[in-house]
C-alpha atoms as a PDB file:
ATOM      1  CA  UNK A   1     -11.046   7.125  -1.867  1.00  0.00           C
ATOM      2  CA  UNK A   2      -9.087   7.480  -4.927  1.00  0.00           C
ATOM      3  CA  UNK A   3      -5.742   5.382  -5.546  1.00  0.00           C
ATOM      4  CA  UNK A   4      -2.546   7.818  -4.832  1.00  0.00           C
ATOM      5  CA  UNK A   5      -4.659  10.608  -3.627  1.00  0.00           C
ATOM      6  CA  UNK A   6      -3.606  12.444  -0.411  1.00  0.00           C
ATOM      7  CA  UNK A   7      -6.715  10.339   1.751  1.00  0.00           C
ATOM      8  CA  UNK A   8      -5.295   7.120   0.121  1.00  0.00           C
ATOM      9  CA  UNK A   9      -1.579   8.025   1.490  1.00  0.00           C
ATOM     10  CA  UNK A  10      -2.926   9.061   5.012  1.00  0.00           C
ATOM     11  CA  UNK A  11      -5.232   5.421   5.045  1.00  0.00           C
ATOM     12  CA  UNK A  12      -2.056   3.553   4.047  1.00  0.00           C
ATOM     13  CA  UNK A  13      -0.021   5.505   6.691  1.00  0.00           C
ATOM     14  CA  UNK A  14      -2.634   4.951   9.451  1.00  0.00           C
ATOM     15  CA  UNK A  15      -2.582   1.378   8.458  1.00  0.00           C
ATOM     16  CA  UNK A  16       1.423   1.293   8.610  1.00  0.00           C
ATOM     17  CA  UNK A  17       1.164   2.855  12.063  1.00  0.00           C
ATOM     18  CA  UNK A  18      -1.139   0.304  13.095  1.00  0.00           C
ATOM     19  CA  UNK A  19       0.580  -2.737  11.619  1.00  0.00           C
ATOM     20  CA  UNK A  20       2.363  -5.200  14.104  1.00  0.00           C
ATOM     21  CA  UNK A  21       4.287  -7.117  11.755  1.00  0.00           C
ATOM     22  CA  UNK A  22       5.967  -3.689  10.282  1.00  0.00           C
ATOM     23  CA  UNK A  23       6.229  -2.344  14.037  1.00  0.00           C
ATOM     24  CA  UNK A  24       8.118  -5.580  14.625  1.00  0.00           C
ATOM     25  CA  UNK A  25      10.680  -4.756  11.609  1.00  0.00           C
ATOM     26  CA  UNK A  26      11.611  -1.739  11.979  1.00  0.00           C
ATOM     27  CA  UNK A  27      14.666  -2.152  14.473  1.00  0.00           C
ATOM     28  CA  UNK A  28      16.002  -4.202  11.997  1.00  0.00           C
ATOM     29  CA  UNK A  29      15.818  -1.959   8.796  1.00  0.00           C
ATOM     30  CA  UNK A  30      16.991   0.909   7.095  1.00  0.00           C
ATOM     31  CA  UNK A  31      15.782   2.043   4.076  1.00  0.00           C
ATOM     32  CA  UNK A  32      14.490   5.294   2.532  1.00  0.00           C
ATOM     33  CA  UNK A  33      12.327   4.274  -0.304  1.00  0.00           C
ATOM     34  CA  UNK A  34      10.481   6.467  -2.917  1.00  0.00           C
ATOM     35  CA  UNK A  35       7.657   5.911  -5.272  1.00  0.00           C
ATOM     36  CA  UNK A  36       6.961   7.897  -8.114  1.00  0.00           C
ATOM     37  CA  UNK A  37       3.778   7.722  -9.951  1.00  0.00           C
ATOM     38  CA  UNK A  38       3.595   9.765 -13.543  1.00  0.00           C
ATOM     39  CA  UNK A  39       0.785  10.780 -15.282  1.00  0.00           C
ATOM     40  CA  UNK A  40      -2.207  10.293 -12.939  1.00  0.00           C
ATOM     41  CA  UNK A  41      -5.560  12.129 -12.348  1.00  0.00           C
ATOM     42  CA  UNK A  42      -4.102  14.323 -10.421  1.00  0.00           C
ATOM     43  CA  UNK A  43      -0.923  14.563 -11.965  1.00  0.00           C
ATOM     44  CA  UNK A  44       2.415  13.229 -10.651  1.00  0.00           C
ATOM     45  CA  UNK A  45       2.442  11.684  -7.121  1.00  0.00           C
ATOM     46  CA  UNK A  46       5.406  10.767  -5.192  1.00  0.00           C
ATOM     47  CA  UNK A  47       5.094   9.177  -1.882  1.00  0.00           C
ATOM     48  CA  UNK A  48       7.889   7.217   0.407  1.00  0.00           C
ATOM     49  CA  UNK A  49       8.326   4.488   3.222  1.00  0.00           C
ATOM     50  CA  UNK A  50      10.890   5.830   5.464  1.00  0.00           C
ATOM     51  CA  UNK A  51      12.343   3.193   7.898  1.00  0.00           C
ATOM     52  CA  UNK A  52      15.253   3.644  10.504  1.00  0.00           C
ATOM     53  CA  UNK A  53      16.345   4.412  13.961  1.00  0.00           C
ATOM     54  CA  UNK A  54      13.019   1.970  15.143  1.00  0.00           C
ATOM     55  CA  UNK A  55      10.550   4.091  13.535  1.00  0.00           C
ATOM     56  CA  UNK A  56       8.522   4.288  10.213  1.00  0.00           C
ATOM     57  CA  UNK A  57       6.896   6.663   8.259  1.00  0.00           C
ATOM     58  CA  UNK A  58       4.262   6.607   5.327  1.00  0.00           C
ATOM     59  CA  UNK A  59       3.965   9.898   3.515  1.00  0.00           C
ATOM     60  CA  UNK A  60       3.431  12.161   0.700  1.00  0.00           C
ATOM     61  CA  UNK A  61       6.755  13.408  -0.889  1.00  0.00           C
ATOM     62  CA  UNK A  62      10.273  11.712  -1.410  1.00  0.00           C
ATOM     63  CA  UNK A  63      12.383   9.732   1.287  1.00  0.00           C
ATOM     64  CA  UNK A  64      15.038  11.692   2.857  1.00  0.00           C
ATOM     65  CA  UNK A  65      17.712   9.780   2.872  1.00  0.00           C
ATOM     66  CA  UNK A  66      16.319   7.902  -0.348  1.00  0.00           C
ATOM     67  CA  UNK A  67      18.191   4.819  -0.841  1.00  0.00           C
ATOM     68  CA  UNK A  68      15.758   3.419  -3.606  1.00  0.00           C
ATOM     69  CA  UNK A  69      13.455   5.228  -6.180  1.00  0.00           C
ATOM     70  CA  UNK A  70      11.138   3.283  -8.073  1.00  0.00           C
ATOM     71  CA  UNK A  71       9.250   5.339 -11.250  1.00  0.00           C
ATOM     72  CA  UNK A  72       6.176   4.105 -13.336  1.00  0.00           C
ATOM     73  CA  UNK A  73       3.186   5.554 -14.992  1.00  0.00           C
ATOM     74  CA  UNK A  74      -0.291   5.625 -13.501  1.00  0.00           C
ATOM     75  CA  UNK A  75      -1.765   2.883 -15.885  1.00  0.00           C
ATOM     76  CA  UNK A  76       1.408   0.328 -14.733  1.00  0.00           C
ATOM     77  CA  UNK A  77       0.839   1.120 -11.189  1.00  0.00           C
ATOM     78  CA  UNK A  78      -3.052   0.503 -11.245  1.00  0.00           C
ATOM     79  CA  UNK A  79      -2.311  -2.568 -13.291  1.00  0.00           C
ATOM     80  CA  UNK A  80       0.070  -3.878 -10.381  1.00  0.00           C
ATOM     81  CA  UNK A  81      -2.266  -3.055  -7.857  1.00  0.00           C
ATOM     82  CA  UNK A  82      -4.906  -4.528  -9.130  1.00  0.00           C
ATOM     83  CA  UNK A  83      -3.048  -7.659 -10.089  1.00  0.00           C
ATOM     84  CA  UNK A  84      -3.618  -7.178 -13.927  1.00  0.00           C
ATOM     85  CA  UNK A  85       0.176  -6.938 -14.114  1.00  0.00           C
ATOM     86  CA  UNK A  86       2.534  -9.127 -12.621  1.00  0.00           C
ATOM     87  CA  UNK A  87       5.410  -6.563 -11.026  1.00  0.00           C
ATOM     88  CA  UNK A  88       8.053  -9.044 -11.781  1.00  0.00           C
ATOM     89  CA  UNK A  89       7.206  -8.688 -15.369  1.00  0.00           C
ATOM     90  CA  UNK A  90       6.720  -4.683 -15.087  1.00  0.00           C
ATOM     91  CA  UNK A  91      10.116  -4.523 -14.282  1.00  0.00           C
ATOM     92  CA  UNK A  92      11.448  -6.789 -16.989  1.00  0.00           C
ATOM     93  CA  UNK A  93       9.889  -4.922 -19.779  1.00  0.00           C
ATOM     94  CA  UNK A  94      10.799  -1.751 -18.201  1.00  0.00           C
ATOM     95  CA  UNK A  95       7.565  -0.350 -17.085  1.00  0.00           C
ATOM     96  CA  UNK A  96       8.861  -0.193 -13.445  1.00  0.00           C
ATOM     97  CA  UNK A  97      12.114   1.671 -13.388  1.00  0.00           C
ATOM     98  CA  UNK A  98      14.179   1.065 -10.147  1.00  0.00           C
ATOM     99  CA  UNK A  99      17.330   3.194  -9.276  1.00  0.00           C
ATOM    100  CA  UNK A 100      19.552   3.054  -6.117  1.00  0.00           C
ATOM    101  CA  UNK A 101      20.561   0.402  -3.391  1.00  0.00           C
ATOM    102  CA  UNK A 102      18.740  -2.884  -4.979  1.00  0.00           C
ATOM    103  CA  UNK A 103      20.513  -4.524  -2.211  1.00  0.00           C
ATOM    104  CA  UNK A 104      19.248  -2.657   0.486  1.00  0.00           C
ATOM    105  CA  UNK A 105      16.022  -3.160  -1.250  1.00  0.00           C
ATOM    106  CA  UNK A 106      16.615  -7.055  -1.003  1.00  0.00           C
ATOM    107  CA  UNK A 107      17.573  -7.031   2.432  1.00  0.00           C
ATOM    108  CA  UNK A 108      14.013  -5.362   3.264  1.00  0.00           C
ATOM    109  CA  UNK A 109      11.922  -8.141   1.355  1.00  0.00           C
ATOM    110  CA  UNK A 110      10.195  -8.843   4.896  1.00  0.00           C
ATOM    111  CA  UNK A 111       9.382  -5.190   5.113  1.00  0.00           C
ATOM    112  CA  UNK A 112       7.743  -4.754   2.156  1.00  0.00           C
ATOM    113  CA  UNK A 113       6.113  -8.134   2.519  1.00  0.00           C
ATOM    114  CA  UNK A 114       4.349  -6.712   5.622  1.00  0.00           C
ATOM    115  CA  UNK A 115       3.653  -3.665   3.575  1.00  0.00           C
ATOM    116  CA  UNK A 116       2.077  -5.759   0.895  1.00  0.00           C
ATOM    117  CA  UNK A 117      -0.739  -6.865   3.681  1.00  0.00           C
ATOM    118  CA  UNK A 118      -1.480  -3.140   4.465  1.00  0.00           C
ATOM    119  CA  UNK A 119      -1.954  -2.450   0.686  1.00  0.00           C
ATOM    120  CA  UNK A 120      -4.145  -5.289   0.557  1.00  0.00           C
ATOM    121  CA  UNK A 121      -6.488  -3.987   3.511  1.00  0.00           C
ATOM    122  CA  UNK A 122      -6.337  -0.829   1.995  1.00  0.00           C
ATOM    123  CA  UNK A 123      -7.383  -1.631  -1.862  1.00  0.00           C
ATOM    124  CA  UNK A 124     -11.060  -2.712  -0.345  1.00  0.00           C
ATOM    125  CA  UNK A 125     -11.624   1.033  -0.061  1.00  0.00           C
ATOM    126  CA  UNK A 126      -9.715   2.187  -2.917  1.00  0.00           C
ATOM    127  CA  UNK A 127     -11.165   3.395  -6.319  1.00  0.00           C
ATOM    128  CA  UNK A 128      -8.788   2.724  -9.219  1.00  0.00           C
ATOM    129  CA  UNK A 129     -10.252   5.072 -12.096  1.00  0.00           C
END
C-alpha cells in the first residue's frame, strides 16, 4: 500500500486499535494531534491521532479538538519515515513545522513511542513512491 493512502491510514488505525502498549496509555493521555503532508502523489493528506477519555482514534482528517499540528512536505515525510532524515534535524531546519501545545506533545512522548512501533510494523507493507 502507498504511504499516506487511505489504505495505509486504515492499516495504521487497525494496528493502533490492536496495540496493547497504546491501549495501556490512553487513560493517561489527552491529545489531539494532526499531521498534514503536502504535495504528495495524491495531493495533500491530513490524518490525526486523537487520545482522550480512555479511547484512541487514528483516522483521516484533522483532530478535534486539535492540540498540536505538524506540517511537512511529502519528500520530508518520506525521508523521515524511511530513516534517511532524522526528525530532529527536520525540525531544526524548518522542514517540519509544529504549531500548538508543545508541552502536551512532550507529555505524550510515551504514547508516541508506542505509536512508532505501530509505524514500524506497517512500514514493512508500505511503498514510498
